[in-house]
Amino acid sequence: MTQCIRLLSDPHSGTALRSPDLFSSPSLPTSDPFSSATLTYTITGSDSYAAPSAFPINRHSWIHIFPEGMTHQHPDRIMRYFKWGVARLILESEPCPDVLPIWIDGPQQVMNYERTWPRFVPRAGKEITVRFGEVVDSEIVWGPLRERWRGLKERARRRRMLESGEELSGTATEVLGELQNDELKYGAEAQQLRIDVTLAVRNEVLKVRRASGLPDEDPKRALAETYREEGGKEAGRVGGRNTDGSATKPGL
């Protein structure tokens, strides 16, 4: 997630927060990315990968994400709730990234969960459509949400500095893409804000889905609580479906 936030951010923006391992020069770093700790990131704590965001030429990138976070096939082409990662991308990237909603329909026919042998072979002759919406108006849609995030960060900063005895006028060190405060990670207000952002993103995708001719979904489909209450133990198994008729498989 940290790498994605940094890749979305503009290294030449005057408002962008910079961490020590990010470069302002558009030239590539001369260090070996596989041996320099400042140019790598870890997932497990023991592995090491070259950090794509350490190369300024990669910054301010286009990132294509699937906010459901898993493969989800429903006979009525209904989406699952969106996971919170997309909220972090919108709230924490600097400046606010452009968001272009896309509706993709048809891959569920190419690799349907109920396909028979040979299961590993994609089914040919199926129609796949990709429909693009309009770029979301960042000021209108994301502006108020990002303002709430800035206010939450400021309150957390003040509380932290008061507890540590630091001067409130001091400047707290922030590292782009990293949350170093439990209130910003797990606080009820932060969690609700992420829920609000994911619902807003999902609504933008629903507009594109509606434009494809599909009927509106039941609003409860946007909530994680719906799947906790209605999901089944057979979800994701070959030949098995959730109680709502969908089949799911966790993403990589």
Protein backbone atom coordinates (compact mmCIF):
# COMPACT_ATOMS: atom_id res chain seq x y z
CA MET A 1 0.00 0.00 0.00
CA THR A 2 2.84 2.40 0.84
CA GLN A 3 4.37 1.85 -2.59
CA CYS A 4 1.02 2.46 -4.32
CA ILE A 5 0.46 5.73 -2.46
CA ARG A 6 3.93 6.94 -3.38
CA LEU A 7 3.54 5.86 -7.01
CA LEU A 8 0.31 7.86 -7.26
CA SER A 9 1.91 10.95 -5.73
CA ASP A 10 3.73 13.59 -7.75
CA PRO A 11 7.40 13.99 -6.70
CA HIS A 12 7.42 17.50 -8.21
CA SER A 13 4.33 18.72 -6.38
CA GLY A 14 4.95 21.39 -3.77
CA THR A 15 2.38 19.73 -1.50
CA ALA A 16 3.81 16.22 -1.71
CA LEU A 17 5.21 14.76 1.48
CA ARG A 18 8.61 13.21 0.97
CA SER A 19 10.34 10.46 2.87
CA PRO A 20 14.14 10.14 3.01
CA ASP A 21 14.23 7.40 0.40
CA LEU A 22 12.34 9.37 -2.27
CA PHE A 23 14.19 11.46 -4.80
CA SER A 24 13.33 14.83 -6.30
CA SER A 25 15.51 14.35 -9.36
CA PRO A 26 13.90 12.67 -12.39
CA SER A 27 17.08 10.67 -12.99
CA LEU A 28 17.30 7.09 -11.79
CA PRO A 29 19.18 6.37 -8.55
CA THR A 30 22.67 5.03 -9.10
CA SER A 31 22.50 2.69 -6.10
CA ASP A 32 21.82 -0.99 -6.54
CA PRO A 33 18.11 -1.36 -5.62
CA PHE A 34 18.67 -4.92 -4.40
CA SER A 35 21.36 -4.03 -1.88
CA SER A 36 20.37 -0.53 -0.73
CA ALA A 37 17.81 -0.57 2.09
CA THR A 38 16.49 2.85 1.08
CA LEU A 39 15.49 1.49 -2.32
CA THR A 40 13.68 -1.63 -1.16
CA TYR A 41 10.56 -2.59 0.74
CA THR A 42 9.50 -5.69 2.62
CA ILE A 43 6.23 -7.57 3.02
CA THR A 44 7.14 -10.17 5.63
CA GLY A 45 10.05 -8.42 7.30
CA SER A 46 12.52 -10.98 6.01
CA ASP A 47 12.04 -10.56 2.25
CA SER A 48 13.22 -7.64 0.13
CA TYR A 49 11.96 -6.19 -3.14
CA ALA A 50 13.04 -3.23 -5.25
CA ALA A 51 10.81 -0.27 -4.39
CA PRO A 52 9.27 1.04 -7.64
CA SER A 53 8.40 4.37 -6.01
CA ALA A 54 12.09 5.05 -5.28
CA PHE A 55 12.54 5.78 -8.99
CA PRO A 56 11.02 9.23 -9.64
CA ILE A 57 10.34 8.32 -13.26
CA ASN A 58 7.68 5.93 -11.92
CA ARG A 59 5.96 8.51 -9.73
CA HIS A 60 2.59 10.13 -10.53
CA SER A 61 1.64 6.83 -12.14
CA TRP A 62 -1.56 5.23 -13.30
CA ILE A 63 -2.61 2.36 -11.01
CA HIS A 64 -5.39 -0.03 -11.98
CA ILE A 65 -7.04 -1.60 -8.93
CA PHE A 66 -9.91 -4.00 -8.26
CA PRO A 67 -11.40 -2.66 -4.98
CA GLU A 68 -13.37 -5.83 -4.21
CA GLY A 69 -10.03 -7.47 -3.42
CA MET A 70 -11.08 -10.86 -4.74
CA THR A 71 -12.63 -12.64 -7.68
CA HIS A 72 -16.40 -12.36 -7.33
CA GLN A 73 -18.89 -13.89 -9.76
CA HIS A 74 -22.58 -13.21 -9.25
CA PRO A 75 -25.31 -14.29 -11.72
CA ASP A 76 -26.76 -10.75 -11.63
CA ARG A 77 -23.31 -9.12 -11.97
CA ILE A 78 -23.56 -7.57 -8.52
CA MET A 79 -20.40 -6.21 -6.89
CA ARG A 80 -19.17 -6.98 -3.39
CA TYR A 81 -18.34 -4.25 -0.91
CA PHE A 82 -15.09 -2.41 -1.63
CA LYS A 83 -12.12 -2.82 0.68
CA TRP A 84 -10.43 0.07 2.46
CA GLY A 85 -7.20 0.13 0.47
CA VAL A 86 -8.80 2.31 -2.20
CA ALA A 87 -9.69 4.82 0.53
CA ARG A 88 -6.06 5.10 1.61
CA LEU A 89 -4.99 5.73 -1.98
CA ILE A 90 -7.42 8.65 -2.28
CA LEU A 91 -6.90 10.12 1.18
CA GLU A 92 -3.13 9.84 1.52
CA SER A 93 -1.73 10.41 -1.97
CA GLU A 94 -0.45 13.92 -2.71
CA PRO A 95 -1.94 15.57 -4.61
CA CYS A 96 -5.33 13.88 -4.81
CA PRO A 97 -5.20 11.35 -7.67
CA ASP A 98 -7.61 11.37 -10.58
CA VAL A 99 -10.11 8.51 -10.34
CA LEU A 100 -11.52 6.96 -13.50
CA PRO A 101 -14.24 4.33 -12.83
CA ILE A 102 -14.29 1.30 -15.13
CA TRP A 103 -16.86 -1.48 -15.52
CA ILE A 104 -15.57 -4.79 -16.91
CA ASP A 105 -18.04 -7.52 -17.84
CA GLY A 106 -17.40 -10.91 -19.43
CA PRO A 107 -14.30 -12.45 -17.78
CA GLN A 108 -16.68 -14.45 -15.56
CA GLN A 109 -17.77 -16.28 -18.72
CA VAL A 110 -14.21 -16.91 -19.86
CA MET A 111 -13.20 -18.44 -16.51
CA ASN A 112 -16.52 -19.36 -14.93
CA TYR A 113 -16.23 -21.12 -11.58
CA GLU A 114 -18.58 -23.88 -12.70
CA ARG A 115 -16.64 -24.74 -15.86
CA THR A 116 -15.84 -28.41 -16.30
CA TRP A 117 -12.63 -30.11 -17.39
CA PRO A 118 -10.23 -28.83 -18.57
CA ARG A 119 -10.74 -26.12 -15.93
CA PHE A 120 -7.38 -24.50 -16.60
CA VAL A 121 -8.33 -23.62 -20.20
CA PRO A 122 -10.05 -20.23 -20.72
CA ARG A 123 -13.32 -20.51 -22.65
CA ALA A 124 -13.05 -18.96 -26.10
CA GLY A 125 -15.78 -17.14 -27.99
CA LYS A 126 -17.06 -15.13 -25.02
CA GLU A 127 -17.80 -11.42 -25.19
CA ILE A 128 -15.89 -9.05 -22.91
CA THR A 129 -16.86 -5.41 -22.57
CA VAL A 130 -14.89 -2.62 -20.90
CA ARG A 131 -16.83 0.57 -20.23
CA PHE A 132 -15.18 3.76 -18.98
CA GLY A 133 -16.92 6.42 -16.94
CA GLU A 134 -15.97 10.05 -16.50
CA VAL A 135 -13.03 11.18 -14.39
CA VAL A 136 -14.47 11.92 -10.95
CA ASP A 137 -14.54 15.59 -9.93
CA SER A 138 -11.91 15.52 -7.18
CA GLU A 139 -12.90 18.82 -5.59
CA ILE A 140 -16.57 17.93 -5.24
CA VAL A 141 -16.37 14.21 -4.41
CA TRP A 142 -13.02 13.71 -2.68
CA GLY A 143 -12.37 17.25 -1.41
CA PRO A 144 -14.64 17.09 1.68
CA LEU A 145 -13.39 13.59 2.52
CA ARG A 146 -9.74 14.61 2.27
CA GLU A 147 -10.49 17.67 4.40
CA ARG A 148 -11.86 15.36 7.09
CA TRP A 149 -8.66 13.31 6.84
CA ARG A 150 -6.47 16.39 7.23
CA GLY A 151 -8.48 17.42 10.29
CA LEU A 152 -8.16 13.95 11.77
CA LYS A 153 -4.40 13.98 11.21
CA GLU A 154 -4.05 17.40 12.82
CA ARG A 155 -6.03 16.37 15.91
CA ALA A 156 -3.95 13.20 16.21
CA ARG A 157 -0.76 15.27 15.86
CA ARG A 158 -1.82 17.70 18.58
CA ARG A 159 -2.82 14.91 20.93
CA ARG A 160 0.47 13.11 20.36
CA MET A 161 2.54 16.25 20.95
CA LEU A 162 0.62 17.15 24.11
CA GLU A 163 1.19 13.67 25.49
CA SER A 164 4.90 13.84 24.70
CA GLY A 165 5.31 17.39 26.02
CA GLU A 166 6.37 18.80 22.64
CA GLU A 167 5.51 22.29 21.44
CA LEU A 168 2.27 22.37 19.45
CA SER A 169 3.89 24.76 17.01
CA GLY A 170 6.45 22.11 16.13
CA THR A 171 6.30 20.22 12.86
CA ALA A 172 5.70 16.50 13.08
CA THR A 173 7.63 14.29 10.70
CA GLU A 174 5.34 12.55 8.23
CA VAL A 175 6.36 9.78 5.86
CA LEU A 176 4.26 9.51 2.74
CA GLY A 177 2.30 6.26 2.67
CA GLU A 178 3.00 5.29 6.28
CA LEU A 179 0.63 5.60 9.24
CA GLN A 180 2.61 5.83 12.46
CA ASN A 181 -0.31 6.62 14.75
CA ASP A 182 -2.79 4.04 16.08
CA GLU A 183 -5.60 6.60 16.02
CA LEU A 184 -5.13 7.03 12.27
CA LYS A 185 -4.85 3.28 11.79
CA TYR A 186 -7.59 1.90 14.02
CA GLY A 187 -9.60 4.83 15.39
CA ALA A 188 -13.38 4.75 14.91
CA GLU A 189 -13.37 8.07 13.05
CA ALA A 190 -10.60 6.94 10.70
CA GLN A 191 -12.41 3.68 10.00
CA GLN A 192 -15.69 5.45 9.29
CA LEU A 193 -13.92 7.84 6.95
CA ARG A 194 -12.47 4.92 4.99
CA ILE A 195 -15.93 3.37 4.78
CA ASP A 196 -17.35 6.65 3.44
CA VAL A 197 -14.61 6.89 0.80
CA THR A 198 -15.08 3.31 -0.39
CA LEU A 199 -18.84 3.85 -0.65
CA ALA A 200 -18.20 6.98 -2.73
CA VAL A 201 -15.85 5.06 -5.03
CA ARG A 202 -18.35 2.23 -5.37
CA ASN A 203 -21.11 4.70 -6.25
CA GLU A 204 -18.96 6.05 -9.09
CA VAL A 205 -18.48 2.53 -10.46
CA LEU A 206 -22.21 1.88 -10.09
CA LYS A 207 -22.87 4.81 -12.43
CA VAL A 208 -20.85 3.07 -15.14
CA ARG A 209 -22.55 -0.25 -14.39
CA ARG A 210 -25.95 1.44 -14.71
CA ALA A 211 -24.90 2.97 -18.05
CA SER A 212 -24.27 -0.55 -19.36
CA GLY A 213 -27.97 -1.30 -18.99
CA LEU A 214 -27.91 -3.24 -15.72
CA PRO A 215 -30.51 -2.48 -13.03
CA ASP A 216 -29.56 -0.81 -9.76
CA GLU A 217 -28.26 -3.01 -6.97
CA ASP A 218 -29.71 -3.39 -3.50
CA PRO A 219 -27.82 -0.75 -1.43
CA LYS A 220 -27.03 -3.34 1.24
CA ARG A 221 -24.63 -5.01 -1.22
CA ALA A 222 -22.20 -2.18 -0.58
CA LEU A 223 -21.82 -3.12 3.10
CA ALA A 224 -19.41 -5.65 4.57
CA GLU A 225 -22.05 -6.53 7.17
CA THR A 226 -24.23 -7.96 4.42
CA TYR A 227 -21.63 -10.57 3.53
CA ARG A 228 -20.89 -11.44 7.13
CA GLU A 229 -24.57 -12.20 7.61
CA GLU A 230 -25.32 -13.87 4.28
CA GLY A 231 -22.02 -15.50 3.28
CA GLY A 232 -21.65 -19.28 3.45
CA LYS A 233 -18.85 -21.67 4.36
CA GLU A 234 -18.87 -23.05 0.84
CA ALA A 235 -17.83 -19.71 -0.64
CA GLY A 236 -15.01 -20.01 -3.13
CA ARG A 237 -15.00 -23.80 -3.37
CA VAL A 238 -15.18 -25.43 -6.78
CA GLY A 239 -18.85 -26.01 -7.46
CA GLY A 240 -19.86 -24.21 -4.25
CA ARG A 241 -21.57 -20.85 -3.97
CA ASN A 242 -22.47 -18.31 -1.31
CA THR A 243 -26.02 -18.17 -0.09
CA ASP A 244 -26.63 -15.11 -2.31
CA GLY A 245 -25.75 -17.16 -5.40
CA SER A 246 -22.27 -15.72 -5.89
CA ALA A 247 -18.94 -17.50 -6.05
CA THR A 248 -15.80 -15.92 -4.61
CA LYS A 249 -12.10 -16.55 -4.49
CA PRO A 250 -9.62 -14.49 -2.43
CA GLY A 251 -7.29 -12.29 -4.43
CA LEU A 252 -3.54 -12.72 -4.48
